[in-house]
Protein backbone atom coordinates (compact mmCIF):
# COMPACT_ATOMS: atom_id res chain seq x y z
CA GLN A 1 86.60 107.18 112.54
CA VAL A 2 88.74 106.45 115.59
CA GLN A 3 89.95 108.97 118.14
CA LEU A 4 93.04 108.17 120.19
CA VAL A 5 94.14 109.98 123.34
CA GLU A 6 97.44 109.21 125.05
CA SER A 7 98.24 109.84 128.69
CA GLY A 8 100.80 108.87 131.31
CA GLY A 9 103.88 110.66 130.07
CA GLY A 10 106.14 112.66 132.33
CA LEU A 11 109.61 113.16 133.72
CA VAL A 12 111.43 110.17 135.19
CA GLN A 13 115.00 109.38 136.17
CA THR A 14 117.18 106.85 134.40
CA GLY A 15 116.16 103.36 135.44
CA GLY A 16 112.64 104.41 136.32
CA SER A 17 109.31 103.28 134.91
CA LEU A 18 106.27 104.82 133.29
CA ARG A 19 103.02 103.38 132.00
CA LEU A 20 101.46 105.04 128.98
CA SER A 21 97.78 104.65 128.21
CA CYS A 22 95.87 105.14 124.98
CA ALA A 23 92.09 105.52 125.05
CA ALA A 24 90.29 104.75 121.81
CA SER A 25 86.83 105.98 120.96
CA GLY A 26 84.61 106.51 117.95
CA ARG A 27 83.99 102.94 116.92
CA THR A 28 84.90 99.41 117.89
CA PHE A 29 88.62 99.00 117.68
CA SER A 30 88.98 95.51 119.11
CA ARG A 31 90.14 94.11 115.77
CA ASN A 32 92.60 96.87 114.96
CA VAL A 33 96.32 96.46 115.26
CA MET A 34 97.51 99.04 117.76
CA GLY A 35 100.97 100.51 117.83
CA TRP A 36 103.18 102.83 119.81
CA PHE A 37 105.64 105.07 118.02
CA ARG A 38 107.97 107.78 119.30
CA GLN A 39 109.65 110.85 117.94
CA ALA A 40 112.66 112.55 119.49
CA PRO A 41 113.64 116.13 118.56
CA GLY A 42 115.26 116.25 115.15
CA LYS A 43 114.56 112.59 114.45
CA GLU A 44 111.98 110.68 112.46
CA ARG A 45 109.07 108.97 114.13
CA GLU A 46 110.04 105.39 114.93
CA PHE A 47 108.23 102.21 115.82
CA VAL A 48 108.27 101.09 119.44
CA ALA A 49 105.75 98.26 119.80
CA GLY A 50 102.63 96.81 118.23
CA ILE A 51 99.87 94.41 119.23
CA ASN A 52 97.16 92.68 117.24
CA TRP A 53 93.63 91.84 118.31
CA SER A 54 94.59 88.43 119.74
CA GLY A 55 97.57 89.73 121.69
CA GLY A 56 100.38 89.00 119.26
CA THR A 57 103.16 91.54 119.69
CA ASN A 58 106.20 93.00 118.00
CA TYR A 59 108.87 95.26 119.47
CA ALA A 60 111.69 97.42 118.27
CA ASP A 61 115.05 95.92 119.18
CA SER A 62 115.88 98.99 121.26
CA VAL A 63 113.04 98.32 123.72
CA LYS A 64 112.85 94.52 123.81
CA GLY A 65 112.96 93.23 127.36
CA ARG A 66 112.20 96.67 128.81
CA PHE A 67 108.83 97.66 127.33
CA THR A 68 105.58 95.70 127.26
CA ILE A 69 102.55 96.51 125.14
CA SER A 70 99.11 95.27 126.17
CA ARG A 71 95.49 95.97 125.40
CA ASP A 72 92.08 95.72 127.04
CA ASN A 73 89.50 95.41 124.29
CA ASP A 74 86.59 95.66 126.72
CA LYS A 75 87.81 99.08 127.84
CA ASN A 76 89.12 100.20 124.43
CA MET A 77 92.54 100.78 125.97
CA VAL A 78 96.12 100.11 124.94
CA TYR A 79 99.06 100.36 127.33
CA LEU A 80 102.81 100.62 127.13
CA GLN A 81 104.68 99.65 130.28
CA MET A 82 108.16 101.10 130.12
CA ASN A 83 110.80 99.87 132.56
CA SER A 84 114.53 100.52 132.90
CA LEU A 85 114.13 103.80 131.07
CA LYS A 86 117.15 105.44 129.48
CA PRO A 87 117.79 109.04 128.40
CA GLU A 88 117.59 107.87 124.78
CA ASP A 89 113.95 106.90 125.38
CA THR A 90 113.12 110.60 125.66
CA ALA A 91 110.55 111.43 122.98
CA VAL A 92 106.94 112.19 122.27
CA TYR A 93 105.10 108.88 122.27
CA TYR A 94 102.20 108.34 119.89
CA CYS A 95 99.46 105.75 119.85
CA ALA A 96 98.24 104.56 116.45
CA ALA A 97 95.54 102.28 115.05
CA GLY A 98 96.00 100.17 111.96
CA PRO A 99 94.02 97.56 110.00
CA SER A 100 93.27 94.20 111.57
CA PHE A 101 95.07 92.31 108.79
CA LEU A 102 98.41 93.99 109.50
CA ALA A 103 100.96 91.22 110.03
CA ALA A 104 103.38 91.29 112.92
CA GLN A 105 106.34 91.93 110.65
CA ALA A 106 104.54 94.97 109.19
CA MET A 107 103.60 96.55 112.51
CA GLY A 108 106.63 98.80 112.33
CA VAL A 109 105.61 100.42 109.04
CA ARG A 110 104.36 103.87 109.94
CA HIS A 111 102.23 104.53 106.87
CA ARG A 112 100.19 101.37 107.47
CA TYR A 113 98.45 103.07 110.40
CA ASP A 114 95.28 105.04 109.74
CA TYR A 115 94.70 106.91 113.00
CA TRP A 116 97.05 108.71 115.37
CA GLY A 117 96.83 110.36 118.75
CA GLN A 118 98.32 113.73 119.66
CA GLY A 119 101.18 112.25 121.65
CA THR A 120 102.47 112.37 125.21
CA GLN A 121 105.92 113.58 126.24
CA VAL A 122 108.30 111.21 128.00
CA THR A 123 111.51 112.69 129.40
CA VAL A 124 114.18 110.54 131.03
CA SER A 125 116.79 112.46 132.97
CA SER A 126 120.33 111.18 133.41
């Protein structure tokens, strides 16, 4: 069992930055693929970014060049650095853990993830 707790959300102006953190506990997660998803009001949860155990990444087209996912396996942490934020980035952001064998091209498939955090709200004002 893996427990995931997100933090770092908040209110920021357009063009600003935020860094989200996800703390994992319960068992060793260093081999898991880790992902960030987001859900805006009235919309489905969508993929944002994913990272495998060796640091390979995948990003949604909407955030490429603005967001960076990283992980610290020694600290059981995953991060999402978000720069140049836009109002359309407003959503609840969720951290998720998936199997180690999840290929980069499959990181965006929501049902491939086994564990989810409770989410953290990000609001970007215009």
